[in-house]
Each structure stands twice: as C-alpha cells, then as structure tokens.
Amino acid sequence: MPTYERETRVEAPLEEVWRFHSGVSGLEAATPDWMGLRVESATGPNGEPDPDVLEPGATVTLSIRPFGVGPRQRWTSAITERERADGTAYFRDEMVDGPFERWVHTHAFYGDGDETLVRDRVEYELPFGPLGAAATPFSRVGFETMFRARHRLTRAALE
C-alpha cells in the first residue's frame, strides 16, 4: 500500500503541540483555507457531540471543496488509537467514508526539549483499482502541498 510521510520541527513543547492536535479546533487551524474545510459533526466515543478531545471511538465528519471547485467531498474519519507516553504521543484516524479506497493517518509527536518533531504518516489507496494505482505518483503532489501547508500552519499557531 502506498505511504506518504512528512515531518517538521515545531518550536513548542510536546504537551502544547499534543493539546493543539487533540481536538477539532486543531484540525481547523491546521487546514489551509484553500481546502474549503467545513466540519459537519464531531462525536465522542459515547455519542456525545463536539468532544473537546478526540479519543478512540470518536468520529469526525467533514467536507472539503479544494479551491472552491467542484462539489463538496464528504469525509468521515474515526479515531482508532490515541496514546501519550513519556516524550512521545500519537493518534491514528481511519477514513470510514470518503474519497479514498483506504486512508490511515498516524499523527506522531516526539518531544525534544522545548521543541517537538511532528510526523504525519498516511497509508492510502486511491479508488478505481488499476486506474487509481496508476495515478498514485500524482497523488503525492497533492499530499505534499497539503501537508506542507498543514505543518506551516501548525508552526504559525504554536511558535
């Protein structure tokens, strides 16, 4: 399965970076405006609306309309894992409904003094079988643009 990875160093302590990425507000702050993000709903693991922290079992339904072109694309992800240990933290979300055949996104954070290494790892599969597989190299261009912007916005919010 194709994998995309990007990492960046943020001049902020792990706890601050972890807190920023733990809820819907961090997703909104780290998504570039040109994606046209709209969070439709967020539900906690026990069905509670708009949880402060996205724990395993929580779901987020959003829609995007990149560059304002075309119809809005709906996307629902479930938080499947979330763990904080000494000096590290991560959470994983999996797309349960949306434009990809498969999308598993691991958000990992590594404390390094007053800085944090942020690493995004996405395992994905495009739709349309062999046609999607043939387009995989081109998808990386979009991923790189998107994640570069996400990391820049994260740094701007926290540094």
N, C-alpha and C. Protein backbone atom coordinates (compact mmCIF):
# COMPACT_ATOMS: atom_id res chain seq x y z
N MET A 1 0.84 -1.17 0.00
CA MET A 1 0.00 0.00 0.00
C MET A 1 0.89 1.24 0.00
N PRO A 2 0.57 2.24 -0.82
CA PRO A 2 1.38 3.45 -0.85
C PRO A 2 1.36 4.16 0.50
N THR A 3 2.48 4.82 0.79
CA THR A 3 2.62 5.55 2.05
C THR A 3 3.21 6.92 1.76
N TYR A 4 2.68 7.91 2.44
CA TYR A 4 3.22 9.27 2.36
C TYR A 4 3.65 9.66 3.77
N GLU A 5 4.83 10.28 3.90
CA GLU A 5 5.31 10.76 5.20
C GLU A 5 5.87 12.16 5.07
N ARG A 6 5.63 12.95 6.10
CA ARG A 6 6.23 14.28 6.18
C ARG A 6 6.45 14.60 7.65
N GLU A 7 7.55 15.25 7.94
CA GLU A 7 7.80 15.66 9.32
C GLU A 7 8.34 17.08 9.34
N THR A 8 8.13 17.71 10.48
CA THR A 8 8.62 19.06 10.69
C THR A 8 8.90 19.25 12.17
N ARG A 9 9.72 20.20 12.46
CA ARG A 9 10.07 20.52 13.84
C ARG A 9 9.33 21.79 14.23
N VAL A 10 8.65 21.73 15.37
CA VAL A 10 7.88 22.87 15.88
C VAL A 10 8.56 23.37 17.14
N GLU A 11 8.78 24.67 17.22
CA GLU A 11 9.42 25.26 18.40
C GLU A 11 8.38 25.48 19.49
N ALA A 12 7.89 24.37 20.03
CA ALA A 12 6.93 24.37 21.13
C ALA A 12 7.05 23.02 21.82
N PRO A 13 6.81 22.97 23.13
CA PRO A 13 6.93 21.70 23.86
C PRO A 13 5.86 20.70 23.44
N LEU A 14 6.18 19.43 23.63
CA LEU A 14 5.29 18.34 23.25
C LEU A 14 3.88 18.54 23.78
N GLU A 15 3.74 18.88 25.05
CA GLU A 15 2.40 19.00 25.64
C GLU A 15 1.53 20.01 24.90
N GLU A 16 2.14 21.11 24.50
CA GLU A 16 1.40 22.15 23.78
C GLU A 16 1.00 21.67 22.38
N VAL A 17 1.92 21.02 21.69
CA VAL A 17 1.64 20.50 20.34
C VAL A 17 0.58 19.41 20.41
N TRP A 18 0.68 18.53 21.39
CA TRP A 18 -0.29 17.44 21.59
C TRP A 18 -1.69 18.00 21.84
N ARG A 19 -1.77 18.99 22.71
CA ARG A 19 -3.07 19.61 23.02
C ARG A 19 -3.67 20.25 21.76
N PHE A 20 -2.85 20.93 20.99
CA PHE A 20 -3.30 21.58 19.75
C PHE A 20 -3.93 20.58 18.79
N HIS A 21 -3.32 19.40 18.68
CA HIS A 21 -3.78 18.39 17.72
C HIS A 21 -4.85 17.46 18.28
N SER A 22 -5.25 17.65 19.52
CA SER A 22 -6.16 16.70 20.16
C SER A 22 -7.64 16.94 19.90
N GLY A 23 -8.00 18.02 19.27
CA GLY A 23 -9.41 18.31 19.06
C GLY A 23 -9.69 18.86 17.68
N VAL A 24 -10.94 19.08 17.42
CA VAL A 24 -11.38 19.58 16.12
C VAL A 24 -10.81 20.97 15.84
N SER A 25 -10.65 21.78 16.87
CA SER A 25 -10.13 23.13 16.66
C SER A 25 -8.72 23.10 16.06
N GLY A 26 -7.91 22.12 16.43
CA GLY A 26 -6.58 21.97 15.84
C GLY A 26 -6.66 21.59 14.38
N LEU A 27 -7.59 20.70 14.04
CA LEU A 27 -7.80 20.32 12.64
C LEU A 27 -8.17 21.55 11.82
N GLU A 28 -9.08 22.35 12.35
CA GLU A 28 -9.50 23.55 11.62
C GLU A 28 -8.35 24.54 11.47
N ALA A 29 -7.57 24.73 12.54
CA ALA A 29 -6.47 25.69 12.50
C ALA A 29 -5.34 25.25 11.58
N ALA A 30 -5.15 23.94 11.43
CA ALA A 30 -4.03 23.43 10.62
C ALA A 30 -4.44 23.08 9.20
N THR A 31 -5.66 23.39 8.80
CA THR A 31 -6.10 23.11 7.44
C THR A 31 -6.09 24.40 6.64
N PRO A 32 -5.38 24.42 5.51
CA PRO A 32 -5.31 25.66 4.73
C PRO A 32 -6.69 26.08 4.21
N ASP A 33 -6.90 27.39 4.15
CA ASP A 33 -8.18 27.92 3.70
C ASP A 33 -8.58 27.40 2.32
N TRP A 34 -7.60 27.19 1.44
CA TRP A 34 -7.94 26.76 0.08
C TRP A 34 -8.55 25.37 0.02
N MET A 35 -8.52 24.63 1.13
CA MET A 35 -9.18 23.32 1.16
C MET A 35 -10.70 23.46 1.33
N GLY A 36 -11.16 24.62 1.76
CA GLY A 36 -12.60 24.82 1.94
C GLY A 36 -13.19 23.87 2.97
N LEU A 37 -12.47 23.66 4.07
CA LEU A 37 -12.90 22.72 5.11
C LEU A 37 -14.15 23.21 5.83
N ARG A 38 -15.07 22.29 6.04
CA ARG A 38 -16.23 22.54 6.90
C ARG A 38 -16.42 21.29 7.76
N VAL A 39 -16.33 21.45 9.07
CA VAL A 39 -16.58 20.33 9.97
C VAL A 39 -18.09 20.22 10.13
N GLU A 40 -18.63 19.10 9.67
CA GLU A 40 -20.07 18.88 9.70
C GLU A 40 -20.51 18.38 11.08
N SER A 41 -19.71 17.48 11.67
CA SER A 41 -20.03 16.98 13.01
C SER A 41 -18.81 16.31 13.61
N ALA A 42 -18.79 16.29 14.92
CA ALA A 42 -17.79 15.54 15.69
C ALA A 42 -18.54 14.88 16.83
N THR A 43 -18.29 13.60 17.01
CA THR A 43 -19.00 12.83 18.02
C THR A 43 -17.98 12.05 18.84
N GLY A 44 -18.12 12.11 20.15
CA GLY A 44 -17.22 11.38 21.03
C GLY A 44 -17.54 9.89 21.04
N PRO A 45 -16.70 9.10 21.69
CA PRO A 45 -16.87 7.64 21.69
C PRO A 45 -18.18 7.17 22.31
N ASN A 46 -18.78 7.99 23.18
CA ASN A 46 -20.06 7.62 23.80
C ASN A 46 -21.24 8.35 23.16
N GLY A 47 -20.99 8.93 21.98
CA GLY A 47 -22.06 9.61 21.26
C GLY A 47 -22.24 11.07 21.61
N GLU A 48 -21.41 11.59 22.51
CA GLU A 48 -21.55 12.99 22.90
C GLU A 48 -21.10 13.90 21.75
N PRO A 49 -21.84 14.99 21.51
CA PRO A 49 -21.48 15.89 20.41
C PRO A 49 -20.30 16.79 20.80
N ASP A 50 -19.51 17.14 19.81
CA ASP A 50 -18.44 18.11 19.94
C ASP A 50 -17.52 17.90 21.14
N PRO A 51 -16.86 16.73 21.22
CA PRO A 51 -15.94 16.49 22.35
C PRO A 51 -14.74 17.43 22.28
N ASP A 52 -14.21 17.77 23.45
CA ASP A 52 -13.01 18.62 23.50
C ASP A 52 -11.79 17.88 22.99
N VAL A 53 -11.71 16.58 23.29
CA VAL A 53 -10.58 15.74 22.89
C VAL A 53 -11.12 14.58 22.07
N LEU A 54 -10.46 14.31 20.96
CA LEU A 54 -10.87 13.20 20.10
C LEU A 54 -10.20 11.92 20.59
N GLU A 55 -10.95 11.11 21.29
CA GLU A 55 -10.49 9.84 21.86
C GLU A 55 -10.82 8.70 20.90
N PRO A 56 -10.22 7.52 21.09
CA PRO A 56 -10.60 6.36 20.27
C PRO A 56 -12.11 6.13 20.32
N GLY A 57 -12.68 5.93 19.16
CA GLY A 57 -14.13 5.77 19.04
C GLY A 57 -14.83 7.04 18.60
N ALA A 58 -14.16 8.18 18.69
CA ALA A 58 -14.74 9.43 18.21
C ALA A 58 -14.76 9.44 16.69
N THR A 59 -15.72 10.14 16.12
CA THR A 59 -15.77 10.30 14.66
C THR A 59 -15.89 11.78 14.32
N VAL A 60 -15.32 12.12 13.18
CA VAL A 60 -15.42 13.48 12.66
C VAL A 60 -15.89 13.37 11.22
N THR A 61 -16.96 14.08 10.90
CA THR A 61 -17.43 14.16 9.52
C THR A 61 -17.19 15.58 9.05
N LEU A 62 -16.53 15.68 7.93
CA LEU A 62 -16.21 16.98 7.38
C LEU A 62 -16.50 16.97 5.89
N SER A 63 -16.42 18.13 5.30
CA SER A 63 -16.48 18.22 3.85
C SER A 63 -15.42 19.21 3.42
N ILE A 64 -14.91 18.97 2.23
CA ILE A 64 -13.90 19.85 1.66
C ILE A 64 -14.31 20.19 0.23
N ARG A 65 -13.84 21.34 -0.20
CA ARG A 65 -14.05 21.79 -1.57
C ARG A 65 -12.80 22.56 -1.97
N PRO A 66 -11.74 21.80 -2.34
CA PRO A 66 -10.46 22.45 -2.64
C PRO A 66 -10.58 23.53 -3.71
N PHE A 67 -10.03 24.68 -3.41
CA PHE A 67 -10.00 25.83 -4.31
C PHE A 67 -11.39 26.28 -4.74
N GLY A 68 -12.43 25.85 -4.02
CA GLY A 68 -13.79 26.25 -4.35
C GLY A 68 -14.31 25.65 -5.65
N VAL A 69 -13.67 24.57 -6.09
CA VAL A 69 -14.02 23.96 -7.37
C VAL A 69 -14.74 22.63 -7.15
N GLY A 70 -15.79 22.41 -7.91
CA GLY A 70 -16.49 21.13 -7.87
C GLY A 70 -17.39 21.00 -6.65
N PRO A 71 -18.04 19.85 -6.56
CA PRO A 71 -18.93 19.62 -5.41
C PRO A 71 -18.12 19.37 -4.14
N ARG A 72 -18.74 19.61 -2.99
CA ARG A 72 -18.10 19.32 -1.72
C ARG A 72 -17.91 17.82 -1.61
N GLN A 73 -16.77 17.40 -1.08
CA GLN A 73 -16.47 15.99 -0.86
C GLN A 73 -16.61 15.70 0.63
N ARG A 74 -17.46 14.75 0.97
CA ARG A 74 -17.65 14.38 2.38
C ARG A 74 -16.60 13.35 2.78
N TRP A 75 -16.24 13.40 4.05
CA TRP A 75 -15.19 12.55 4.58
C TRP A 75 -15.51 12.29 6.05
N THR A 76 -15.58 11.03 6.44
CA THR A 76 -15.76 10.69 7.84
C THR A 76 -14.58 9.85 8.29
N SER A 77 -13.96 10.27 9.38
CA SER A 77 -12.84 9.53 9.97
C SER A 77 -13.19 9.13 11.39
N ALA A 78 -12.65 7.99 11.80
CA ALA A 78 -12.79 7.52 13.17
C ALA A 78 -11.42 7.51 13.82
N ILE A 79 -11.35 7.97 15.04
CA ILE A 79 -10.11 7.89 15.81
C ILE A 79 -10.02 6.45 16.32
N THR A 80 -8.95 5.76 15.93
CA THR A 80 -8.82 4.34 16.30
C THR A 80 -7.82 4.11 17.42
N GLU A 81 -6.85 5.02 17.56
CA GLU A 81 -5.84 4.88 18.60
C GLU A 81 -5.43 6.26 19.08
N ARG A 82 -5.03 6.33 20.34
CA ARG A 82 -4.52 7.58 20.91
C ARG A 82 -3.70 7.20 22.14
N GLU A 83 -2.45 7.62 22.15
CA GLU A 83 -1.59 7.24 23.27
C GLU A 83 -0.57 8.34 23.56
N ARG A 84 -0.35 8.57 24.84
CA ARG A 84 0.64 9.54 25.29
C ARG A 84 1.56 8.82 26.25
N ALA A 85 2.85 8.85 25.97
CA ALA A 85 3.85 8.25 26.85
C ALA A 85 4.90 9.32 27.15
N ASP A 86 5.92 8.94 27.89
CA ASP A 86 6.97 9.87 28.25
C ASP A 86 7.73 10.33 27.00
N GLY A 87 7.56 11.58 26.62
CA GLY A 87 8.29 12.15 25.50
C GLY A 87 7.71 11.87 24.13
N THR A 88 6.64 11.10 24.05
CA THR A 88 6.02 10.81 22.74
C THR A 88 4.50 10.79 22.88
N ALA A 89 3.86 10.94 21.75
CA ALA A 89 2.40 10.84 21.70
C ALA A 89 2.01 10.55 20.26
N TYR A 90 0.88 9.90 20.08
CA TYR A 90 0.37 9.71 18.73
C TYR A 90 -1.13 9.44 18.77
N PHE A 91 -1.76 9.68 17.64
CA PHE A 91 -3.12 9.19 17.45
C PHE A 91 -3.26 8.80 15.99
N ARG A 92 -4.24 7.96 15.74
CA ARG A 92 -4.46 7.44 14.39
C ARG A 92 -5.93 7.62 14.05
N ASP A 93 -6.17 8.11 12.84
CA ASP A 93 -7.54 8.16 12.34
C ASP A 93 -7.62 7.37 11.04
N GLU A 94 -8.77 6.74 10.86
CA GLU A 94 -9.01 5.96 9.64
C GLU A 94 -10.28 6.48 8.98
N MET A 95 -10.20 6.70 7.68
CA MET A 95 -11.36 7.12 6.92
C MET A 95 -12.35 5.96 6.87
N VAL A 96 -13.59 6.22 7.26
CA VAL A 96 -14.63 5.19 7.17
C VAL A 96 -15.58 5.47 6.01
N ASP A 97 -15.56 6.70 5.53
CA ASP A 97 -16.36 7.05 4.36
C ASP A 97 -15.71 8.27 3.72
N GLY A 98 -15.48 8.20 2.42
CA GLY A 98 -14.86 9.33 1.77
C GLY A 98 -14.29 8.97 0.42
N PRO A 99 -13.44 9.85 -0.11
CA PRO A 99 -12.99 9.72 -1.49
C PRO A 99 -11.91 8.66 -1.75
N PHE A 100 -11.28 8.14 -0.71
CA PHE A 100 -10.22 7.15 -0.90
C PHE A 100 -10.75 5.74 -0.68
N GLU A 101 -10.10 4.80 -1.29
CA GLU A 101 -10.43 3.39 -1.01
C GLU A 101 -10.00 3.05 0.42
N ARG A 102 -8.84 3.62 0.80
CA ARG A 102 -8.32 3.41 2.16
C ARG A 102 -7.47 4.62 2.53
N TRP A 103 -7.56 5.03 3.80
CA TRP A 103 -6.78 6.17 4.32
C TRP A 103 -6.58 5.94 5.81
N VAL A 104 -5.34 5.73 6.22
CA VAL A 104 -5.00 5.56 7.63
C VAL A 104 -3.91 6.60 7.92
N HIS A 105 -4.21 7.53 8.80
CA HIS A 105 -3.32 8.66 9.07
C HIS A 105 -2.83 8.58 10.52
N THR A 106 -1.53 8.41 10.68
CA THR A 106 -0.91 8.39 12.00
C THR A 106 -0.23 9.73 12.23
N HIS A 107 -0.63 10.40 13.30
CA HIS A 107 -0.07 11.69 13.70
C HIS A 107 0.84 11.39 14.90
N ALA A 108 2.15 11.53 14.74
CA ALA A 108 3.09 11.20 15.82
C ALA A 108 3.85 12.46 16.24
N PHE A 109 4.15 12.52 17.53
CA PHE A 109 4.80 13.69 18.12
C PHE A 109 5.90 13.22 19.06
N TYR A 110 7.09 13.81 18.90
CA TYR A 110 8.25 13.42 19.70
C TYR A 110 8.84 14.66 20.35
N GLY A 111 8.80 14.70 21.68
CA GLY A 111 9.34 15.83 22.40
C GLY A 111 10.86 15.84 22.35
N ASP A 112 11.42 17.04 22.19
CA ASP A 112 12.87 17.22 22.16
C ASP A 112 13.16 18.56 22.85
N GLY A 113 13.18 18.52 24.18
CA GLY A 113 13.35 19.75 24.94
C GLY A 113 12.16 20.67 24.74
N ASP A 114 12.43 21.89 24.30
CA ASP A 114 11.36 22.86 24.06
C ASP A 114 10.81 22.77 22.64
N GLU A 115 11.19 21.74 21.92
CA GLU A 115 10.71 21.54 20.55
C GLU A 115 10.00 20.20 20.44
N THR A 116 9.26 20.05 19.35
CA THR A 116 8.55 18.80 19.08
C THR A 116 8.70 18.46 17.61
N LEU A 117 9.06 17.21 17.36
CA LEU A 117 9.07 16.70 15.99
C LEU A 117 7.66 16.18 15.70
N VAL A 118 7.05 16.69 14.65
CA VAL A 118 5.72 16.28 14.22
C VAL A 118 5.88 15.43 12.97
N ARG A 119 5.32 14.22 13.00
CA ARG A 119 5.44 13.32 11.85
C ARG A 119 4.05 12.84 11.45
N ASP A 120 3.71 13.07 10.20
CA ASP A 120 2.47 12.54 9.62
C ASP A 120 2.82 11.38 8.71
N ARG A 121 2.09 10.29 8.88
CA ARG A 121 2.28 9.11 8.02
C ARG A 121 0.89 8.69 7.55
N VAL A 122 0.73 8.63 6.24
CA VAL A 122 -0.56 8.26 5.65
C VAL A 122 -0.36 7.03 4.78
N GLU A 123 -1.10 5.98 5.11
CA GLU A 123 -1.17 4.80 4.25
C GLU A 123 -2.49 4.95 3.50
N TYR A 124 -2.44 4.85 2.19
CA TYR A 124 -3.64 5.15 1.41
C TYR A 124 -3.74 4.26 0.17
N GLU A 125 -4.94 4.22 -0.34
CA GLU A 125 -5.20 3.54 -1.61
C GLU A 125 -6.24 4.37 -2.34
N LEU A 126 -5.93 4.74 -3.56
CA LEU A 126 -6.87 5.52 -4.35
C LEU A 126 -7.98 4.62 -4.87
N PRO A 127 -9.15 5.19 -5.17
CA PRO A 127 -10.24 4.39 -5.73
C PRO A 127 -9.95 4.02 -7.19
N PHE A 128 -10.80 3.23 -7.75
CA PHE A 128 -10.79 2.85 -9.17
C PHE A 128 -9.73 1.82 -9.53
N GLY A 129 -9.34 0.99 -8.58
CA GLY A 129 -8.48 -0.16 -8.86
C GLY A 129 -7.21 0.19 -9.60
N PRO A 130 -6.97 -0.45 -10.77
CA PRO A 130 -5.73 -0.23 -11.52
C PRO A 130 -5.56 1.22 -11.98
N LEU A 131 -6.66 1.90 -12.29
CA LEU A 131 -6.55 3.31 -12.70
C LEU A 131 -6.07 4.16 -11.52
N GLY A 132 -6.60 3.89 -10.35
CA GLY A 132 -6.16 4.61 -9.15
C GLY A 132 -4.70 4.32 -8.84
N ALA A 133 -4.31 3.06 -8.99
CA ALA A 133 -2.91 2.69 -8.74
C ALA A 133 -1.98 3.43 -9.69
N ALA A 134 -2.40 3.59 -10.94
CA ALA A 134 -1.58 4.29 -11.93
C ALA A 134 -1.44 5.78 -11.57
N ALA A 135 -2.45 6.33 -10.90
CA ALA A 135 -2.43 7.75 -10.54
C ALA A 135 -1.71 8.02 -9.22
N THR A 136 -1.31 6.97 -8.50
CA THR A 136 -0.70 7.14 -7.18
C THR A 136 0.48 8.12 -7.18
N PRO A 137 1.40 8.05 -8.14
CA PRO A 137 2.52 9.02 -8.10
C PRO A 137 2.05 10.48 -8.15
N PHE A 138 0.95 10.74 -8.85
CA PHE A 138 0.44 12.10 -8.96
C PHE A 138 -0.21 12.57 -7.66
N SER A 139 -0.75 11.63 -6.90
CA SER A 139 -1.40 11.99 -5.64
C SER A 139 -0.40 12.58 -4.66
N ARG A 140 0.83 12.17 -4.75
CA ARG A 140 1.85 12.65 -3.83
C ARG A 140 2.05 14.17 -3.96
N VAL A 141 1.84 14.69 -5.16
CA VAL A 141 1.97 16.14 -5.36
C VAL A 141 0.94 16.87 -4.50
N GLY A 142 -0.30 16.39 -4.53
CA GLY A 142 -1.35 16.99 -3.72
C GLY A 142 -1.09 16.82 -2.23
N PHE A 143 -0.62 15.64 -1.84
CA PHE A 143 -0.32 15.39 -0.42
C PHE A 143 0.78 16.33 0.06
N GLU A 144 1.82 16.47 -0.75
CA GLU A 144 2.95 17.32 -0.35
C GLU A 144 2.49 18.76 -0.16
N THR A 145 1.69 19.26 -1.08
CA THR A 145 1.18 20.63 -0.97
C THR A 145 0.34 20.79 0.29
N MET A 146 -0.55 19.84 0.52
CA MET A 146 -1.45 19.91 1.67
C MET A 146 -0.71 19.80 2.99
N PHE A 147 0.17 18.81 3.12
CA PHE A 147 0.85 18.61 4.40
C PHE A 147 1.91 19.69 4.66
N ARG A 148 2.52 20.20 3.63
CA ARG A 148 3.45 21.32 3.82
C ARG A 148 2.68 22.51 4.41
N ALA A 149 1.50 22.78 3.88
CA ALA A 149 0.68 23.87 4.40
C ALA A 149 0.23 23.57 5.83
N ARG A 150 -0.17 22.34 6.12
CA ARG A 150 -0.61 21.97 7.48
C ARG A 150 0.52 22.18 8.49
N HIS A 151 1.73 21.78 8.12
CA HIS A 151 2.86 21.95 9.04
C HIS A 151 3.20 23.43 9.23
N ARG A 152 3.12 24.20 8.15
CA ARG A 152 3.38 25.64 8.25
C ARG A 152 2.35 26.29 9.19
N LEU A 153 1.08 25.93 9.04
CA LEU A 153 0.03 26.49 9.89
C LEU A 153 0.19 26.05 11.35
N THR A 154 0.63 24.83 11.56
CA THR A 154 0.88 24.35 12.93
C THR A 154 1.99 25.19 13.57
N ARG A 155 3.07 25.39 12.83
CA ARG A 155 4.17 26.21 13.37
C ARG A 155 3.69 27.64 13.66
N ALA A 156 2.92 28.21 12.74
CA ALA A 156 2.43 29.58 12.92
C ALA A 156 1.54 29.70 14.16
N ALA A 157 0.76 28.68 14.44
CA ALA A 157 -0.15 28.71 15.59
C ALA A 157 0.57 28.53 16.92
N LEU A 158 1.70 27.81 16.90
CA LEU A 158 2.34 27.42 18.16
C LEU A 158 3.66 28.11 18.46
N GLU A 159 4.30 28.67 17.48
CA GLU A 159 5.62 29.28 17.72
C GLU A 159 5.50 30.76 18.05
